[in-house]
C-alpha cells in the first residue's frame, strides 16, 4: 500500500495502484464515498 497525496485516495487496479481525487468538499478520504475530513 502506497501513500497518496492529501485529497486523494488509493484505488487498487489489476496491475497498478492509482490515486483518485476525493470529492470536492472533502479534504481527506478513504474512498470516494468515505470522507475523513471536510474542507
N, C-alpha and C. Protein backbone atom coordinates (compact mmCIF):
# COMPACT_ATOMS: atom_id res chain seq x y z
N UNK A 1 0.85 -1.20 0.00
CA UNK A 1 0.00 0.00 0.00
C UNK A 1 0.88 1.25 0.00
N UNK A 2 0.67 2.11 -0.97
CA UNK A 2 1.46 3.34 -1.03
C UNK A 2 0.60 4.52 -0.62
N UNK A 3 1.24 5.57 -0.20
CA UNK A 3 0.51 6.75 0.24
C UNK A 3 0.19 7.66 -0.93
N UNK A 4 -1.00 8.21 -0.89
CA UNK A 4 -1.41 9.18 -1.90
C UNK A 4 -1.31 10.58 -1.31
N UNK A 5 -1.17 11.58 -2.16
CA UNK A 5 -1.11 12.96 -1.66
C UNK A 5 -2.42 13.35 -0.99
N UNK A 6 -2.41 14.38 -0.15
CA UNK A 6 -3.63 14.83 0.51
C UNK A 6 -4.73 15.14 -0.51
N UNK A 7 -5.95 14.75 -0.21
CA UNK A 7 -7.05 14.99 -1.13
C UNK A 7 -7.24 13.87 -2.14
N UNK A 8 -6.44 12.80 -1.99
CA UNK A 8 -6.55 11.65 -2.89
C UNK A 8 -6.64 10.38 -2.07
N UNK A 9 -7.18 9.33 -2.70
CA UNK A 9 -7.24 8.03 -2.03
C UNK A 9 -6.76 6.95 -3.00
N UNK A 10 -6.26 5.87 -2.45
CA UNK A 10 -5.72 4.79 -3.27
C UNK A 10 -6.81 3.90 -3.84
N UNK A 11 -6.64 3.52 -5.10
CA UNK A 11 -7.56 2.60 -5.76
C UNK A 11 -6.74 1.43 -6.28
N UNK A 12 -7.15 0.22 -5.92
CA UNK A 12 -6.41 -0.95 -6.38
C UNK A 12 -6.80 -1.28 -7.80
N UNK A 13 -5.81 -1.26 -8.68
CA UNK A 13 -6.04 -1.70 -10.04
C UNK A 13 -5.56 -3.14 -10.17
N UNK A 14 -5.70 -3.73 -11.34
CA UNK A 14 -5.26 -5.10 -11.52
C UNK A 14 -3.74 -5.18 -11.46
N UNK A 15 -3.07 -4.19 -12.00
CA UNK A 15 -1.61 -4.21 -12.02
C UNK A 15 -0.99 -3.07 -11.23
N UNK A 16 -1.69 -1.94 -11.18
CA UNK A 16 -1.11 -0.77 -10.54
C UNK A 16 -2.11 -0.17 -9.56
N UNK A 17 -1.61 0.33 -8.45
CA UNK A 17 -2.48 1.09 -7.55
C UNK A 17 -2.45 2.54 -7.99
N UNK A 18 -3.62 3.14 -8.07
CA UNK A 18 -3.72 4.53 -8.52
C UNK A 18 -4.25 5.40 -7.39
N UNK A 19 -4.04 6.70 -7.55
CA UNK A 19 -4.63 7.66 -6.62
C UNK A 19 -5.76 8.39 -7.34
N UNK A 20 -6.91 8.43 -6.71
CA UNK A 20 -8.05 9.18 -7.25
C UNK A 20 -8.37 10.34 -6.32
N UNK A 21 -8.91 11.40 -6.92
CA UNK A 21 -9.20 12.60 -6.14
C UNK A 21 -10.44 12.39 -5.27
N UNK A 22 -10.40 12.92 -4.05
CA UNK A 22 -11.57 12.89 -3.17
C UNK A 22 -12.65 13.82 -3.72
N UNK A 23 -13.82 13.79 -3.12
CA UNK A 23 -14.90 14.68 -3.53
C UNK A 23 -14.54 16.14 -3.33
N UNK A 24 -15.28 17.01 -3.98
CA UNK A 24 -14.98 18.44 -4.00
C UNK A 24 -14.98 19.06 -2.60
N UNK A 25 -15.82 18.54 -1.71
CA UNK A 25 -15.92 19.12 -0.36
C UNK A 25 -15.07 18.36 0.64
N UNK A 26 -14.30 17.41 0.16
CA UNK A 26 -13.54 16.53 1.04
C UNK A 26 -12.05 16.82 1.00
N UNK A 27 -11.45 16.93 2.18
CA UNK A 27 -10.02 17.22 2.25
C UNK A 27 -9.19 15.94 2.29
N UNK A 28 -9.67 14.93 3.01
CA UNK A 28 -9.00 13.63 3.00
C UNK A 28 -10.06 12.54 3.11
N UNK A 29 -9.79 11.40 2.47
CA UNK A 29 -10.80 10.34 2.44
C UNK A 29 -10.16 8.97 2.29
N UNK A 30 -10.94 7.93 2.66
CA UNK A 30 -10.53 6.54 2.44
C UNK A 30 -10.95 6.08 1.06
N UNK A 31 -12.09 6.60 0.60
CA UNK A 31 -12.64 6.21 -0.70
C UNK A 31 -13.52 7.34 -1.21
N UNK A 32 -14.08 7.16 -2.40
CA UNK A 32 -14.93 8.19 -2.99
C UNK A 32 -16.11 8.54 -2.09
N UNK A 33 -16.60 7.54 -1.35
CA UNK A 33 -17.80 7.73 -0.54
C UNK A 33 -17.53 7.88 0.95
N UNK A 34 -16.27 7.76 1.35
CA UNK A 34 -15.95 7.81 2.78
C UNK A 34 -14.98 8.95 3.05
N UNK A 35 -15.54 10.09 3.45
CA UNK A 35 -14.74 11.28 3.72
C UNK A 35 -14.28 11.29 5.18
N UNK A 36 -13.00 11.55 5.42
CA UNK A 36 -12.48 11.62 6.78
C UNK A 36 -12.55 13.05 7.29
N UNK A 37 -12.21 13.99 6.43
CA UNK A 37 -12.15 15.39 6.84
C UNK A 37 -12.71 16.28 5.75
N UNK A 38 -13.70 17.10 6.11
CA UNK A 38 -14.29 18.02 5.14
C UNK A 38 -13.48 19.31 5.05
N UNK A 39 -13.68 20.02 3.95
CA UNK A 39 -13.00 21.31 3.78
C UNK A 39 -13.74 22.38 4.56
